[in-house]
Amino acid sequence: MKSLGFVFHSAPHGSSSGREGLDAVLATSAYSEDIKVFFIGDGVFQLLAGQQPEQVLCRDYIATFKMLELYDIEQVYVCRQSLAERGIDPAALLIDTELLSAEALSAQLHQCQRVLSF
């Protein structure tokens, strides 16, 4: 199977794309070991700990990102500039990730043969 990249670029709870993307990543892990997950732009909010989605009547799927490690998905990248632009401390993220500059993140993304965006 070809290397796959999953890009999260939208904030959680405003649409179902984050939850659908996470479901796709976990399902795909059964068929491929070469998966890279990227969080850019507002997508960095997907990993922010301490969210209260029940306040806006949404399902709490954010904690499920902790399952990435259990599914052997180890290549998880976050755009350093996206965090800085939104005033997010990397310590506030729910899971361990690799922080990359926009250029380094782009280089990793270009190594993927297929890219899905959520």
N, C-alpha and C. Protein backbone atom coordinates (compact mmCIF):
# COMPACT_ATOMS: atom_id res chain seq x y z
N MET A 1 0.84 -1.18 0.00
CA MET A 1 0.00 0.00 0.00
C MET A 1 0.89 1.25 0.00
N LYS A 2 0.41 2.28 -0.62
CA LYS A 2 1.17 3.52 -0.73
C LYS A 2 1.12 4.31 0.57
N SER A 3 2.11 5.20 0.74
CA SER A 3 2.12 6.04 1.94
C SER A 3 0.95 7.02 1.86
N LEU A 4 0.30 7.20 2.99
CA LEU A 4 -0.87 8.06 3.07
C LEU A 4 -0.64 9.20 4.05
N GLY A 5 -1.08 10.37 3.68
CA GLY A 5 -1.03 11.53 4.56
C GLY A 5 -2.44 11.99 4.88
N PHE A 6 -2.71 12.24 6.13
CA PHE A 6 -4.00 12.77 6.57
C PHE A 6 -3.75 14.15 7.15
N VAL A 7 -4.39 15.15 6.57
CA VAL A 7 -4.19 16.53 6.98
C VAL A 7 -5.45 17.03 7.67
N PHE A 8 -5.28 17.48 8.91
CA PHE A 8 -6.37 18.10 9.66
C PHE A 8 -6.12 19.61 9.63
N HIS A 9 -7.04 20.34 9.01
CA HIS A 9 -6.87 21.79 8.88
C HIS A 9 -8.06 22.59 9.39
N SER A 10 -9.07 21.91 9.91
CA SER A 10 -10.24 22.64 10.42
C SER A 10 -10.40 22.43 11.92
N ALA A 11 -11.02 23.40 12.55
CA ALA A 11 -11.24 23.35 14.00
C ALA A 11 -12.27 22.26 14.32
N PRO A 12 -12.19 21.70 15.51
CA PRO A 12 -13.16 20.67 15.90
C PRO A 12 -14.53 21.27 16.21
N HIS A 13 -15.53 20.43 16.13
CA HIS A 13 -16.89 20.73 16.58
C HIS A 13 -17.67 21.72 15.71
N GLY A 14 -17.03 22.37 14.75
CA GLY A 14 -17.77 23.24 13.84
C GLY A 14 -18.38 22.44 12.69
N SER A 15 -17.76 21.30 12.43
CA SER A 15 -18.25 20.38 11.41
C SER A 15 -17.82 18.98 11.83
N SER A 16 -18.23 18.01 11.05
CA SER A 16 -17.89 16.62 11.40
C SER A 16 -16.56 16.18 10.77
N SER A 17 -15.87 17.06 10.08
CA SER A 17 -14.67 16.64 9.34
C SER A 17 -13.57 16.10 10.26
N GLY A 18 -13.38 16.67 11.43
CA GLY A 18 -12.36 16.18 12.34
C GLY A 18 -12.64 14.77 12.81
N ARG A 19 -13.87 14.52 13.19
CA ARG A 19 -14.26 13.18 13.64
C ARG A 19 -14.16 12.18 12.49
N GLU A 20 -14.59 12.59 11.30
CA GLU A 20 -14.52 11.71 10.13
C GLU A 20 -13.06 11.42 9.76
N GLY A 21 -12.22 12.43 9.87
CA GLY A 21 -10.80 12.23 9.57
C GLY A 21 -10.15 11.27 10.53
N LEU A 22 -10.46 11.42 11.81
CA LEU A 22 -9.91 10.51 12.81
C LEU A 22 -10.38 9.08 12.56
N ASP A 23 -11.66 8.91 12.25
CA ASP A 23 -12.18 7.58 11.93
C ASP A 23 -11.45 6.99 10.72
N ALA A 24 -11.20 7.83 9.72
CA ALA A 24 -10.50 7.36 8.51
C ALA A 24 -9.08 6.94 8.82
N VAL A 25 -8.38 7.71 9.66
CA VAL A 25 -7.01 7.36 10.03
C VAL A 25 -6.98 6.01 10.74
N LEU A 26 -7.85 5.84 11.71
CA LEU A 26 -7.85 4.60 12.48
C LEU A 26 -8.24 3.40 11.62
N ALA A 27 -9.22 3.58 10.73
CA ALA A 27 -9.63 2.48 9.85
C ALA A 27 -8.51 2.12 8.87
N THR A 28 -7.85 3.12 8.34
CA THR A 28 -6.79 2.89 7.36
C THR A 28 -5.59 2.19 7.98
N SER A 29 -5.39 2.38 9.26
CA SER A 29 -4.23 1.77 9.92
C SER A 29 -4.28 0.25 9.88
N ALA A 30 -5.46 -0.32 9.66
CA ALA A 30 -5.57 -1.77 9.55
C ALA A 30 -4.99 -2.27 8.23
N TYR A 31 -4.85 -1.38 7.24
CA TYR A 31 -4.40 -1.77 5.91
C TYR A 31 -3.02 -1.23 5.54
N SER A 32 -2.55 -0.25 6.27
CA SER A 32 -1.28 0.38 5.92
C SER A 32 -0.49 0.73 7.17
N GLU A 33 0.80 0.55 7.07
CA GLU A 33 1.68 0.94 8.18
C GLU A 33 2.36 2.27 7.91
N ASP A 34 2.23 2.77 6.70
CA ASP A 34 2.90 4.00 6.32
C ASP A 34 1.90 5.15 6.29
N ILE A 35 1.56 5.64 7.49
CA ILE A 35 0.58 6.71 7.64
C ILE A 35 1.24 7.88 8.35
N LYS A 36 1.01 9.06 7.81
CA LYS A 36 1.48 10.30 8.44
C LYS A 36 0.26 11.18 8.68
N VAL A 37 0.22 11.78 9.87
CA VAL A 37 -0.90 12.64 10.24
C VAL A 37 -0.35 14.04 10.49
N PHE A 38 -1.00 15.04 9.90
CA PHE A 38 -0.56 16.43 9.96
C PHE A 38 -1.65 17.31 10.53
N PHE A 39 -1.26 18.25 11.38
CA PHE A 39 -2.19 19.24 11.93
C PHE A 39 -1.66 20.62 11.57
N ILE A 40 -2.43 21.33 10.76
CA ILE A 40 -2.02 22.66 10.31
C ILE A 40 -3.17 23.64 10.46
N GLY A 41 -2.86 24.92 10.50
CA GLY A 41 -3.90 25.93 10.61
C GLY A 41 -4.78 25.69 11.83
N ASP A 42 -6.08 25.86 11.66
CA ASP A 42 -7.02 25.63 12.76
C ASP A 42 -7.09 24.16 13.17
N GLY A 43 -6.50 23.28 12.38
CA GLY A 43 -6.48 21.86 12.73
C GLY A 43 -5.72 21.57 14.01
N VAL A 44 -4.85 22.50 14.43
CA VAL A 44 -4.11 22.27 15.68
C VAL A 44 -5.07 22.25 16.88
N PHE A 45 -6.23 22.88 16.74
CA PHE A 45 -7.22 22.85 17.82
C PHE A 45 -7.76 21.45 18.05
N GLN A 46 -7.63 20.55 17.08
CA GLN A 46 -8.09 19.17 17.23
C GLN A 46 -7.38 18.49 18.41
N LEU A 47 -6.13 18.90 18.68
CA LEU A 47 -5.32 18.24 19.71
C LEU A 47 -5.29 18.97 21.04
N LEU A 48 -6.04 20.03 21.16
CA LEU A 48 -6.02 20.84 22.37
C LEU A 48 -6.72 20.11 23.52
N ALA A 49 -6.00 19.91 24.61
CA ALA A 49 -6.57 19.22 25.77
C ALA A 49 -7.56 20.13 26.49
N GLY A 50 -8.45 19.52 27.24
CA GLY A 50 -9.37 20.27 28.09
C GLY A 50 -10.58 20.86 27.38
N GLN A 51 -10.90 20.36 26.21
CA GLN A 51 -12.07 20.87 25.50
C GLN A 51 -13.35 20.39 26.18
N GLN A 52 -14.41 21.14 26.01
CA GLN A 52 -15.70 20.78 26.60
C GLN A 52 -16.77 20.80 25.51
N PRO A 53 -16.75 19.83 24.62
CA PRO A 53 -17.68 19.83 23.49
C PRO A 53 -19.14 19.70 23.90
N GLU A 54 -19.39 19.15 25.07
CA GLU A 54 -20.78 19.03 25.52
C GLU A 54 -21.43 20.40 25.70
N GLN A 55 -20.62 21.43 25.88
CA GLN A 55 -21.15 22.79 26.03
C GLN A 55 -21.81 23.29 24.73
N VAL A 56 -21.37 22.74 23.60
CA VAL A 56 -21.97 23.10 22.31
C VAL A 56 -22.72 21.90 21.72
N LEU A 57 -23.10 20.98 22.60
CA LEU A 57 -23.89 19.80 22.25
C LEU A 57 -23.23 18.93 21.17
N CYS A 58 -21.92 18.74 21.32
CA CYS A 58 -21.17 17.88 20.40
C CYS A 58 -20.59 16.68 21.14
N ARG A 59 -20.32 15.64 20.37
CA ARG A 59 -19.71 14.44 20.93
C ARG A 59 -18.22 14.69 21.17
N ASP A 60 -17.71 14.17 22.27
CA ASP A 60 -16.29 14.34 22.60
C ASP A 60 -15.48 13.22 21.95
N TYR A 61 -14.93 13.52 20.79
CA TYR A 61 -14.10 12.55 20.10
C TYR A 61 -12.61 12.86 20.26
N ILE A 62 -12.28 14.01 20.82
CA ILE A 62 -10.89 14.48 20.90
C ILE A 62 -10.01 13.48 21.65
N ALA A 63 -10.52 12.90 22.71
CA ALA A 63 -9.72 11.95 23.49
C ALA A 63 -9.32 10.73 22.66
N THR A 64 -10.05 10.46 21.59
CA THR A 64 -9.76 9.32 20.73
C THR A 64 -8.43 9.50 20.00
N PHE A 65 -7.92 10.73 19.90
CA PHE A 65 -6.62 10.93 19.28
C PHE A 65 -5.52 10.20 20.06
N LYS A 66 -5.77 9.89 21.34
CA LYS A 66 -4.81 9.12 22.11
C LYS A 66 -4.66 7.70 21.56
N MET A 67 -5.63 7.26 20.78
CA MET A 67 -5.59 5.91 20.20
C MET A 67 -4.57 5.79 19.06
N LEU A 68 -4.11 6.90 18.53
CA LEU A 68 -3.15 6.84 17.42
C LEU A 68 -1.95 5.98 17.78
N GLU A 69 -1.44 6.15 18.97
CA GLU A 69 -0.28 5.38 19.40
C GLU A 69 -0.61 3.89 19.49
N LEU A 70 -1.80 3.56 19.98
CA LEU A 70 -2.21 2.16 20.08
C LEU A 70 -2.35 1.51 18.70
N TYR A 71 -2.65 2.31 17.70
CA TYR A 71 -2.79 1.82 16.33
C TYR A 71 -1.46 1.90 15.56
N ASP A 72 -0.38 2.11 16.28
CA ASP A 72 0.97 2.21 15.71
C ASP A 72 1.12 3.33 14.69
N ILE A 73 0.41 4.40 14.91
CA ILE A 73 0.56 5.59 14.07
C ILE A 73 1.47 6.54 14.83
N GLU A 74 2.72 6.55 14.40
CA GLU A 74 3.75 7.27 15.14
C GLU A 74 4.21 8.55 14.46
N GLN A 75 3.86 8.73 13.21
CA GLN A 75 4.29 9.91 12.47
C GLN A 75 3.18 10.98 12.53
N VAL A 76 3.19 11.73 13.62
CA VAL A 76 2.18 12.77 13.85
C VAL A 76 2.91 14.10 13.94
N TYR A 77 2.56 15.01 13.04
CA TYR A 77 3.26 16.28 12.92
C TYR A 77 2.32 17.46 13.13
N VAL A 78 2.82 18.47 13.83
CA VAL A 78 2.07 19.70 14.07
C VAL A 78 2.90 20.88 13.59
N CYS A 79 2.23 21.79 12.92
CA CYS A 79 2.90 22.99 12.41
C CYS A 79 3.20 23.95 13.58
N ARG A 80 4.46 24.21 13.78
CA ARG A 80 4.90 25.09 14.87
C ARG A 80 4.32 26.50 14.70
N GLN A 81 4.31 27.02 13.47
CA GLN A 81 3.78 28.36 13.22
C GLN A 81 2.29 28.44 13.51
N SER A 82 1.55 27.39 13.18
CA SER A 82 0.11 27.38 13.45
C SER A 82 -0.17 27.48 14.94
N LEU A 83 0.64 26.77 15.73
CA LEU A 83 0.48 26.86 17.19
C LEU A 83 0.78 28.28 17.67
N ALA A 84 1.88 28.84 17.20
CA ALA A 84 2.28 30.19 17.64
C ALA A 84 1.24 31.23 17.24
N GLU A 85 0.73 31.14 16.02
CA GLU A 85 -0.27 32.11 15.55
C GLU A 85 -1.54 32.07 16.38
N ARG A 86 -1.84 30.93 16.98
CA ARG A 86 -3.05 30.77 17.77
C ARG A 86 -2.78 30.85 19.27
N GLY A 87 -1.55 31.13 19.64
CA GLY A 87 -1.19 31.29 21.04
C GLY A 87 -1.29 30.01 21.85
N ILE A 88 -1.03 28.88 21.21
CA ILE A 88 -1.14 27.58 21.88
C ILE A 88 0.24 27.10 22.28
N ASP A 89 0.39 26.78 23.55
CA ASP A 89 1.62 26.19 24.06
C ASP A 89 1.64 24.71 23.66
N PRO A 90 2.71 24.22 23.09
CA PRO A 90 2.78 22.79 22.72
C PRO A 90 2.50 21.85 23.90
N ALA A 91 2.74 22.30 25.12
CA ALA A 91 2.47 21.47 26.29
C ALA A 91 0.97 21.27 26.49
N ALA A 92 0.13 22.08 25.85
CA ALA A 92 -1.32 21.98 25.99
C ALA A 92 -1.92 20.93 25.05
N LEU A 93 -1.08 20.30 24.23
CA LEU A 93 -1.60 19.30 23.29
C LEU A 93 -1.85 17.98 24.00
N LEU A 94 -2.85 17.29 23.55
CA LEU A 94 -3.32 16.06 24.16
C LEU A 94 -2.34 14.90 24.00
N ILE A 95 -1.62 14.86 22.89
CA ILE A 95 -0.71 13.75 22.61
C ILE A 95 0.67 14.28 22.25
N ASP A 96 1.64 13.39 22.29
CA ASP A 96 2.99 13.76 21.86
C ASP A 96 3.02 13.83 20.34
N THR A 97 3.60 14.89 19.84
CA THR A 97 3.70 15.08 18.40
C THR A 97 5.09 15.60 18.08
N GLU A 98 5.39 15.64 16.81
CA GLU A 98 6.64 16.27 16.38
C GLU A 98 6.29 17.64 15.81
N LEU A 99 6.87 18.68 16.41
CA LEU A 99 6.63 20.04 15.93
C LEU A 99 7.58 20.32 14.77
N LEU A 100 7.02 20.81 13.68
CA LEU A 100 7.82 21.09 12.50
C LEU A 100 7.54 22.50 12.00
N SER A 101 8.55 23.10 11.37
CA SER A 101 8.33 24.37 10.69
C SER A 101 7.42 24.09 9.48
N ALA A 102 6.86 25.14 8.92
CA ALA A 102 5.99 24.97 7.75
C ALA A 102 6.75 24.31 6.60
N GLU A 103 8.01 24.67 6.44
CA GLU A 103 8.81 24.10 5.36
C GLU A 103 9.06 22.61 5.58
N ALA A 104 9.42 22.23 6.80
CA ALA A 104 9.69 20.82 7.11
C ALA A 104 8.41 20.00 7.01
N LEU A 105 7.30 20.58 7.44
CA LEU A 105 6.03 19.89 7.36
C LEU A 105 5.66 19.65 5.89
N SER A 106 5.87 20.66 5.07
CA SER A 106 5.60 20.53 3.64
C SER A 106 6.46 19.43 3.02
N ALA A 107 7.71 19.35 3.42
CA ALA A 107 8.60 18.31 2.90
C ALA A 107 8.09 16.92 3.28
N GLN A 108 7.63 16.76 4.51
CA GLN A 108 7.08 15.47 4.95
C GLN A 108 5.81 15.14 4.16
N LEU A 109 4.98 16.15 3.96
CA LEU A 109 3.73 15.96 3.24
C LEU A 109 3.98 15.54 1.79
N HIS A 110 5.00 16.10 1.18
CA HIS A 110 5.31 15.76 -0.20
C HIS A 110 5.86 14.34 -0.35
N GLN A 111 6.25 13.71 0.74
CA GLN A 111 6.70 12.32 0.69
C GLN A 111 5.52 11.35 0.60
N CYS A 112 4.33 11.83 0.89
CA CYS A 112 3.13 10.98 0.84
C CYS A 112 2.67 10.83 -0.61
N GLN A 113 2.31 9.62 -0.96
CA GLN A 113 1.84 9.38 -2.32
C GLN A 113 0.37 9.74 -2.48
N ARG A 114 -0.38 9.72 -1.42
CA ARG A 114 -1.79 10.11 -1.42
C ARG A 114 -2.04 10.96 -0.17
N VAL A 115 -2.87 11.99 -0.31
CA VAL A 115 -3.17 12.89 0.81
C VAL A 115 -4.68 13.07 0.91
N LEU A 116 -5.19 12.90 2.12
CA LEU A 116 -6.60 13.14 2.41
C LEU A 116 -6.67 14.33 3.36
N SER A 117 -7.60 15.22 3.10
CA SER A 117 -7.68 16.45 3.88
C SER A 117 -9.01 16.54 4.61
N PHE A 118 -8.94 16.90 5.88
CA PHE A 118 -10.15 17.02 6.71
C PHE A 118 -10.17 18.34 7.45
